[in-house]
């Protein structure tokens, strides 16, 4: 019998939309917010970033965290050996 669980997957879709609306590229955000390229690479992989970096992005783009990150509910099935 397989069971599953709901997880919340972090993503940065709202940020990519903001960049399009503001006609900006990732390198612009790196410069404006004082980020490292590693932080942007992490975001490109939907990996978590620090609140400090989130704050820097929000200040640079004059937006809120909701304009940068979102969470998707995702159902993941687990097999008997995946406990």
C-alpha atoms as a PDB file:
ATOM      1  CA  UNK A   1       0.000   0.000   0.000  1.00  0.00           C
ATOM      2  CA  UNK A   2       1.359   3.413  -0.937  1.00  0.00           C
ATOM      3  CA  UNK A   3       0.853   6.466   1.179  1.00  0.00           C
ATOM      4  CA  UNK A   4       1.695  10.061   0.532  1.00  0.00           C
ATOM      5  CA  UNK A   5       1.941  13.441   2.107  1.00  0.00           C
ATOM      6  CA  UNK A   6       1.304  17.048   1.228  1.00  0.00           C
ATOM      7  CA  UNK A   7       4.347  19.284   1.134  1.00  0.00           C
ATOM      8  CA  UNK A   8       4.716  22.986   0.461  1.00  0.00           C
ATOM      9  CA  UNK A   9       7.178  23.625  -2.333  1.00  0.00           C
ATOM     10  CA  UNK A  10       8.903  27.009  -2.378  1.00  0.00           C
ATOM     11  CA  UNK A  11       9.178  28.842  -5.678  1.00  0.00           C
ATOM     12  CA  UNK A  12      10.168  32.253  -6.966  1.00  0.00           C
ATOM     13  CA  UNK A  13       7.609  32.590  -9.784  1.00  0.00           C
ATOM     14  CA  UNK A  14       6.372  35.931  -8.416  1.00  0.00           C
ATOM     15  CA  UNK A  15       9.908  37.336  -8.569  1.00  0.00           C
ATOM     16  CA  UNK A  16      10.389  36.299 -12.202  1.00  0.00           C
ATOM     17  CA  UNK A  17       7.059  37.993 -12.997  1.00  0.00           C
ATOM     18  CA  UNK A  18       8.259  41.153 -11.207  1.00  0.00           C
ATOM     19  CA  UNK A  19      11.431  41.166 -13.297  1.00  0.00           C
ATOM     20  CA  UNK A  20       9.435  40.947 -16.515  1.00  0.00           C
ATOM     21  CA  UNK A  21       7.053  43.719 -15.426  1.00  0.00           C
ATOM     22  CA  UNK A  22       9.959  45.976 -14.453  1.00  0.00           C
ATOM     23  CA  UNK A  23      12.026  45.051 -17.534  1.00  0.00           C
ATOM     24  CA  UNK A  24      14.894  43.813 -15.353  1.00  0.00           C
ATOM     25  CA  UNK A  25      17.303  40.919 -15.624  1.00  0.00           C
ATOM     26  CA  UNK A  26      18.685  38.744 -12.828  1.00  0.00           C
ATOM     27  CA  UNK A  27      22.008  40.589 -12.974  1.00  0.00           C
ATOM     28  CA  UNK A  28      20.133  43.844 -12.344  1.00  0.00           C
ATOM     29  CA  UNK A  29      18.614  42.419  -9.157  1.00  0.00           C
ATOM     30  CA  UNK A  30      22.004  41.099  -8.048  1.00  0.00           C
ATOM     31  CA  UNK A  31      23.450  44.594  -8.416  1.00  0.00           C
ATOM     32  CA  UNK A  32      20.467  46.501  -6.984  1.00  0.00           C
ATOM     33  CA  UNK A  33      20.019  44.246  -3.946  1.00  0.00           C
ATOM     34  CA  UNK A  34      23.697  43.528  -3.314  1.00  0.00           C
ATOM     35  CA  UNK A  35      23.256  39.778  -3.737  1.00  0.00           C
ATOM     36  CA  UNK A  36      25.847  37.217  -4.670  1.00  0.00           C
ATOM     37  CA  UNK A  37      25.519  35.152  -7.817  1.00  0.00           C
ATOM     38  CA  UNK A  38      25.212  32.115  -5.532  1.00  0.00           C
ATOM     39  CA  UNK A  39      22.017  33.515  -3.990  1.00  0.00           C
ATOM     40  CA  UNK A  40      20.514  34.032  -7.438  1.00  0.00           C
ATOM     41  CA  UNK A  41      21.594  30.515  -8.449  1.00  0.00           C
ATOM     42  CA  UNK A  42      19.839  29.109  -5.372  1.00  0.00           C
ATOM     43  CA  UNK A  43      16.683  30.986  -6.299  1.00  0.00           C
ATOM     44  CA  UNK A  44      16.918  29.628  -9.826  1.00  0.00           C
ATOM     45  CA  UNK A  45      16.732  26.148  -8.288  1.00  0.00           C
ATOM     46  CA  UNK A  46      13.836  27.110  -5.978  1.00  0.00           C
ATOM     47  CA  UNK A  47      16.054  26.693  -2.919  1.00  0.00           C
ATOM     48  CA  UNK A  48      15.494  28.770   0.240  1.00  0.00           C
ATOM     49  CA  UNK A  49      17.297  32.061   0.836  1.00  0.00           C
ATOM     50  CA  UNK A  50      17.800  34.027   4.041  1.00  0.00           C
ATOM     51  CA  UNK A  51      15.317  36.614   5.264  1.00  0.00           C
ATOM     52  CA  UNK A  52      18.087  39.191   4.968  1.00  0.00           C
ATOM     53  CA  UNK A  53      18.389  38.499   1.231  1.00  0.00           C
ATOM     54  CA  UNK A  54      14.614  38.518   0.887  1.00  0.00           C
ATOM     55  CA  UNK A  55      14.579  41.911   2.597  1.00  0.00           C
ATOM     56  CA  UNK A  56      17.282  43.223   0.241  1.00  0.00           C
ATOM     57  CA  UNK A  57      15.304  42.096  -2.795  1.00  0.00           C
ATOM     58  CA  UNK A  58      12.088  43.647  -1.494  1.00  0.00           C
ATOM     59  CA  UNK A  59      13.776  46.974  -0.781  1.00  0.00           C
ATOM     60  CA  UNK A  60      15.517  47.026  -4.166  1.00  0.00           C
ATOM     61  CA  UNK A  61      12.329  46.226  -6.100  1.00  0.00           C
ATOM     62  CA  UNK A  62      10.017  48.170  -3.753  1.00  0.00           C
ATOM     63  CA  UNK A  63       7.797  45.141  -3.236  1.00  0.00           C
ATOM     64  CA  UNK A  64       6.658  42.715  -0.535  1.00  0.00           C
ATOM     65  CA  UNK A  65       7.742  39.107   0.101  1.00  0.00           C
ATOM     66  CA  UNK A  66       4.549  37.964  -1.641  1.00  0.00           C
ATOM     67  CA  UNK A  67       5.938  39.563  -4.801  1.00  0.00           C
ATOM     68  CA  UNK A  68       9.072  37.415  -4.504  1.00  0.00           C
ATOM     69  CA  UNK A  69       8.099  33.967  -3.225  1.00  0.00           C
ATOM     70  CA  UNK A  70       5.138  31.636  -3.203  1.00  0.00           C
ATOM     71  CA  UNK A  71       4.402  28.123  -2.029  1.00  0.00           C
ATOM     72  CA  UNK A  72       2.705  25.366  -3.987  1.00  0.00           C
ATOM     73  CA  UNK A  73       0.995  22.461  -2.284  1.00  0.00           C
ATOM     74  CA  UNK A  74       2.293  19.235  -3.756  1.00  0.00           C
ATOM     75  CA  UNK A  75       1.227  15.665  -3.022  1.00  0.00           C
ATOM     76  CA  UNK A  76       4.134  13.236  -2.900  1.00  0.00           C
ATOM     77  CA  UNK A  77       3.474   9.508  -2.873  1.00  0.00           C
ATOM     78  CA  UNK A  78       5.689   7.432  -0.652  1.00  0.00           C
ATOM     79  CA  UNK A  79       6.421   3.755  -1.144  1.00  0.00           C
ATOM     80  CA  UNK A  80       6.833   1.282   1.675  1.00  0.00           C
ATOM     81  CA  UNK A  81      10.628   1.773   1.643  1.00  0.00           C
ATOM     82  CA  UNK A  82      10.536   5.604   1.533  1.00  0.00           C
ATOM     83  CA  UNK A  83       9.702   6.199   5.198  1.00  0.00           C
END
